[in-house]
Amino acid sequence: GTVIGTGDALTRRIPNRLNALALVSLPAVLVPARLAGHGSVVRAAAGAGAAFAVYAALWVLSRGSLGAGDVKLAPYLGAVTAFMGWTCWVHAVVLGMVVQGVVVTVGLVSGRLGRRSEVAHGPAMCLGAVLAVLAALPRW
């Protein structure tokens, strides 16, 4: 997530190879936790599909305001956060949008962004997921 978020912030692109690598790495992240008795792999798969559906709908409705790389990143973040619980998943999606809103608001107020400025969404998605996971850890 750090590599993807940083790269997207710098280039406003999330390469397909990075998204594919993130998805392929899921077993290395989720299996040890599952073996320790935590989480649900079925819920992770459902969370991946749900996150993809949400971001695909936003991509269609936003008419270019959201990139396809963000849609392809959503299943990875959705799987990791849903693995920990649906509350974590919802928090991740909402916090990603909130972080983006804060970044854009600060940018507009400070004059660093204009109405037509492009702002990468991947970093906000990743930060929202991290914040949701950190909030869920004490209960998990």
C-alpha atoms as a PDB file:
ATOM      1  CA  GLY A   1       0.000   0.000   0.000  1.00  0.00           C
ATOM      2  CA  THR A   2       2.835   2.391   0.793  1.00  0.00           C
ATOM      3  CA  VAL A   3       4.490   1.859  -2.576  1.00  0.00           C
ATOM      4  CA  ILE A   4       1.200   2.141  -4.435  1.00  0.00           C
ATOM      5  CA  GLY A   5       0.060   5.244  -2.525  1.00  0.00           C
ATOM      6  CA  THR A   6       3.388   7.021  -2.887  1.00  0.00           C
ATOM      7  CA  GLY A   7       3.662   6.170  -6.570  1.00  0.00           C
ATOM      8  CA  ASP A   8       0.111   7.357  -7.223  1.00  0.00           C
ATOM      9  CA  ALA A   9       0.767  10.612  -5.336  1.00  0.00           C
ATOM     10  CA  LEU A  10       3.848  11.284  -7.481  1.00  0.00           C
ATOM     11  CA  THR A  11       2.591  10.126 -10.887  1.00  0.00           C
ATOM     12  CA  ARG A  12      -1.219   9.992 -10.567  1.00  0.00           C
ATOM     13  CA  ARG A  13      -1.030   6.417 -11.885  1.00  0.00           C
ATOM     14  CA  ILE A  14      -1.250   3.012 -10.263  1.00  0.00           C
ATOM     15  CA  PRO A  15       0.441   0.504 -12.561  1.00  0.00           C
ATOM     16  CA  ASN A  16      -1.420  -2.762 -13.154  1.00  0.00           C
ATOM     17  CA  ARG A  17       1.681  -4.694 -12.072  1.00  0.00           C
ATOM     18  CA  LEU A  18       1.594  -3.125  -8.603  1.00  0.00           C
ATOM     19  CA  ASN A  19      -2.096  -3.888  -8.188  1.00  0.00           C
ATOM     20  CA  ALA A  20      -1.503  -7.467  -9.342  1.00  0.00           C
ATOM     21  CA  LEU A  21       1.433  -7.839  -6.941  1.00  0.00           C
ATOM     22  CA  ALA A  22      -0.737  -6.567  -4.077  1.00  0.00           C
ATOM     23  CA  LEU A  23      -3.456  -9.117  -4.860  1.00  0.00           C
ATOM     24  CA  VAL A  24      -0.940 -11.955  -5.202  1.00  0.00           C
ATOM     25  CA  SER A  25       0.527 -11.027  -1.805  1.00  0.00           C
ATOM     26  CA  LEU A  26      -2.822 -11.453  -0.039  1.00  0.00           C
ATOM     27  CA  PRO A  27      -2.208 -15.082   1.024  1.00  0.00           C
ATOM     28  CA  ALA A  28       1.081 -14.076   2.648  1.00  0.00           C
ATOM     29  CA  VAL A  29      -0.805 -11.436   4.636  1.00  0.00           C
ATOM     30  CA  LEU A  30      -4.023 -13.284   5.466  1.00  0.00           C
ATOM     31  CA  VAL A  31      -3.069 -16.951   5.873  1.00  0.00           C
ATOM     32  CA  PRO A  32      -0.798 -16.502   8.918  1.00  0.00           C
ATOM     33  CA  ALA A  33      -3.483 -14.441  10.674  1.00  0.00           C
ATOM     34  CA  ARG A  34      -6.117 -17.054   9.813  1.00  0.00           C
ATOM     35  CA  LEU A  35      -3.890 -19.864  11.119  1.00  0.00           C
ATOM     36  CA  ALA A  36      -3.584 -17.909  14.366  1.00  0.00           C
ATOM     37  CA  GLY A  37      -7.373 -18.014  14.627  1.00  0.00           C
ATOM     38  CA  HIS A  38      -8.210 -14.541  13.393  1.00  0.00           C
ATOM     39  CA  GLY A  39     -10.287 -13.241  10.516  1.00  0.00           C
ATOM     40  CA  SER A  40     -12.300 -14.865   7.754  1.00  0.00           C
ATOM     41  CA  VAL A  41     -11.024 -15.685   4.281  1.00  0.00           C
ATOM     42  CA  VAL A  42     -14.591 -15.934   2.938  1.00  0.00           C
ATOM     43  CA  ARG A  43     -15.362 -12.464   4.303  1.00  0.00           C
ATOM     44  CA  ALA A  44     -12.103 -11.199   2.757  1.00  0.00           C
ATOM     45  CA  ALA A  45     -13.184 -12.486  -0.668  1.00  0.00           C
ATOM     46  CA  ALA A  46     -16.622 -10.900  -0.250  1.00  0.00           C
ATOM     47  CA  GLY A  47     -14.991  -7.641   0.876  1.00  0.00           C
ATOM     48  CA  ALA A  48     -12.752  -7.644  -2.193  1.00  0.00           C
ATOM     49  CA  GLY A  49     -15.764  -8.054  -4.472  1.00  0.00           C
ATOM     50  CA  ALA A  50     -17.806  -5.449  -2.618  1.00  0.00           C
ATOM     51  CA  ALA A  51     -14.991  -2.885  -2.700  1.00  0.00           C
ATOM     52  CA  PHE A  52     -14.502  -3.498  -6.414  1.00  0.00           C
ATOM     53  CA  ALA A  53     -18.240  -3.017  -7.007  1.00  0.00           C
ATOM     54  CA  VAL A  54     -18.351   0.220  -5.005  1.00  0.00           C
ATOM     55  CA  TYR A  55     -15.327   1.719  -6.750  1.00  0.00           C
ATOM     56  CA  ALA A  56     -16.419   0.491 -10.198  1.00  0.00           C
ATOM     57  CA  ALA A  57     -19.765   2.238  -9.683  1.00  0.00           C
ATOM     58  CA  LEU A  58     -17.987   5.409  -8.530  1.00  0.00           C
ATOM     59  CA  TRP A  59     -15.669   5.209 -11.549  1.00  0.00           C
ATOM     60  CA  VAL A  60     -18.644   5.017 -13.922  1.00  0.00           C
ATOM     61  CA  LEU A  61     -20.595   7.751 -12.149  1.00  0.00           C
ATOM     62  CA  SER A  62     -17.641  10.124 -11.681  1.00  0.00           C
ATOM     63  CA  ARG A  63     -16.887  10.379 -15.417  1.00  0.00           C
ATOM     64  CA  GLY A  64     -13.114  10.491 -15.140  1.00  0.00           C
ATOM     65  CA  SER A  65     -12.723  11.895 -11.635  1.00  0.00           C
ATOM     66  CA  LEU A  66     -11.599   8.489 -10.369  1.00  0.00           C
ATOM     67  CA  GLY A  67      -8.949   6.407 -12.099  1.00  0.00           C
ATOM     68  CA  ALA A  68      -9.156   2.776 -13.153  1.00  0.00           C
ATOM     69  CA  GLY A  69      -6.104   2.073 -10.980  1.00  0.00           C
ATOM     70  CA  ASP A  70      -8.149   3.081  -7.938  1.00  0.00           C
ATOM     71  CA  VAL A  71     -10.846   0.594  -8.971  1.00  0.00           C
ATOM     72  CA  LYS A  72      -8.191  -2.124  -9.302  1.00  0.00           C
ATOM     73  CA  LEU A  73      -6.687  -1.221  -5.894  1.00  0.00           C
ATOM     74  CA  ALA A  74     -10.056  -1.476  -4.136  1.00  0.00           C
ATOM     75  CA  PRO A  75     -10.209  -5.323  -4.039  1.00  0.00           C
ATOM     76  CA  TYR A  76      -6.867  -5.560  -2.231  1.00  0.00           C
ATOM     77  CA  LEU A  77      -7.832  -3.008   0.413  1.00  0.00           C
ATOM     78  CA  GLY A  78     -11.331  -4.463   0.609  1.00  0.00           C
ATOM     79  CA  ALA A  79      -9.993  -7.969   1.217  1.00  0.00           C
ATOM     80  CA  VAL A  80      -7.560  -6.939   3.940  1.00  0.00           C
ATOM     81  CA  THR A  81     -10.068  -4.791   5.803  1.00  0.00           C
ATOM     82  CA  ALA A  82     -13.036  -7.187   5.459  1.00  0.00           C
ATOM     83  CA  PHE A  83     -10.794 -10.000   6.710  1.00  0.00           C
ATOM     84  CA  MET A  84     -10.767  -8.107   9.999  1.00  0.00           C
ATOM     85  CA  GLY A  85     -14.527  -7.488   9.975  1.00  0.00           C
ATOM     86  CA  TRP A  86     -17.243  -5.629   8.109  1.00  0.00           C
ATOM     87  CA  THR A  87     -16.963  -2.651  10.434  1.00  0.00           C
ATOM     88  CA  CYS A  88     -13.296  -2.305   9.487  1.00  0.00           C
ATOM     89  CA  TRP A  89     -14.247  -2.551   5.792  1.00  0.00           C
ATOM     90  CA  VAL A  90     -16.878   0.184   6.074  1.00  0.00           C
ATOM     91  CA  HIS A  91     -14.495   2.398   8.042  1.00  0.00           C
ATOM     92  CA  ALA A  92     -11.801   1.937   5.395  1.00  0.00           C
ATOM     93  CA  VAL A  93     -14.089   2.963   2.535  1.00  0.00           C
ATOM     94  CA  VAL A  94     -15.500   5.947   4.425  1.00  0.00           C
ATOM     95  CA  LEU A  95     -12.127   7.076   5.802  1.00  0.00           C
ATOM     96  CA  GLY A  96     -10.611   6.927   2.308  1.00  0.00           C
ATOM     97  CA  MET A  97     -13.259   9.369   1.119  1.00  0.00           C
ATOM     98  CA  VAL A  98     -12.884  11.563   4.221  1.00  0.00           C
ATOM     99  CA  VAL A  99      -9.089  11.736   3.846  1.00  0.00           C
ATOM    100  CA  GLN A 100      -9.526  12.704   0.195  1.00  0.00           C
ATOM    101  CA  GLY A 101     -12.038  15.373   1.165  1.00  0.00           C
ATOM    102  CA  VAL A 102      -9.655  16.839   3.744  1.00  0.00           C
ATOM    103  CA  VAL A 103      -6.760  16.867   1.259  1.00  0.00           C
ATOM    104  CA  VAL A 104      -8.840  18.595  -1.403  1.00  0.00           C
ATOM    105  CA  THR A 105     -10.350  21.087   1.046  1.00  0.00           C
ATOM    106  CA  VAL A 106      -6.948  22.050   2.434  1.00  0.00           C
ATOM    107  CA  GLY A 107      -5.587  22.311  -1.109  1.00  0.00           C
ATOM    108  CA  LEU A 108      -8.421  24.566  -2.240  1.00  0.00           C
ATOM    109  CA  VAL A 109      -8.312  26.791   0.856  1.00  0.00           C
ATOM    110  CA  SER A 110      -4.534  27.139   0.662  1.00  0.00           C
ATOM    111  CA  GLY A 111      -4.656  27.945  -3.042  1.00  0.00           C
ATOM    112  CA  ARG A 112      -2.487  24.960  -4.012  1.00  0.00           C
ATOM    113  CA  LEU A 113      -5.401  23.390  -5.872  1.00  0.00           C
ATOM    114  CA  GLY A 114      -7.923  24.824  -8.269  1.00  0.00           C
ATOM    115  CA  ARG A 115     -11.355  23.585  -9.354  1.00  0.00           C
ATOM    116  CA  ARG A 116      -9.825  21.570 -12.186  1.00  0.00           C
ATOM    117  CA  SER A 117      -6.825  20.172 -10.293  1.00  0.00           C
ATOM    118  CA  GLU A 118      -6.215  16.440 -10.385  1.00  0.00           C
ATOM    119  CA  VAL A 119      -5.578  14.778  -7.040  1.00  0.00           C
ATOM    120  CA  ALA A 120      -4.573  11.128  -6.739  1.00  0.00           C
ATOM    121  CA  HIS A 121      -7.081   9.061  -4.745  1.00  0.00           C
ATOM    122  CA  GLY A 122      -4.898   5.979  -4.124  1.00  0.00           C
ATOM    123  CA  PRO A 123      -2.995   7.535  -1.197  1.00  0.00           C
ATOM    124  CA  ALA A 124      -6.270   8.451   0.527  1.00  0.00           C
ATOM    125  CA  MET A 125      -7.604   4.928  -0.030  1.00  0.00           C
ATOM    126  CA  CYS A 126      -4.458   3.399   1.477  1.00  0.00           C
ATOM    127  CA  LEU A 127      -4.406   5.790   4.430  1.00  0.00           C
ATOM    128  CA  GLY A 128      -8.112   5.190   5.082  1.00  0.00           C
ATOM    129  CA  ALA A 129      -7.485   1.430   5.131  1.00  0.00           C
ATOM    130  CA  VAL A 130      -4.507   1.800   7.477  1.00  0.00           C
ATOM    131  CA  LEU A 131      -6.515   3.978   9.858  1.00  0.00           C
ATOM    132  CA  ALA A 132      -9.415   1.497   9.806  1.00  0.00           C
ATOM    133  CA  VAL A 133      -7.105  -1.451  10.513  1.00  0.00           C
ATOM    134  CA  LEU A 134      -5.377   0.409  13.359  1.00  0.00           C
ATOM    135  CA  ALA A 135      -8.763   1.276  14.868  1.00  0.00           C
ATOM    136  CA  ALA A 136      -9.897  -2.368  14.587  1.00  0.00           C
ATOM    137  CA  LEU A 137      -6.777  -3.954  16.100  1.00  0.00           C
ATOM    138  CA  PRO A 138      -7.696  -3.484  19.788  1.00  0.00           C
ATOM    139  CA  ARG A 139     -11.066  -5.253  19.251  1.00  0.00           C
ATOM    140  CA  TRP A 140      -9.681  -7.907  16.929  1.00  0.00           C
END
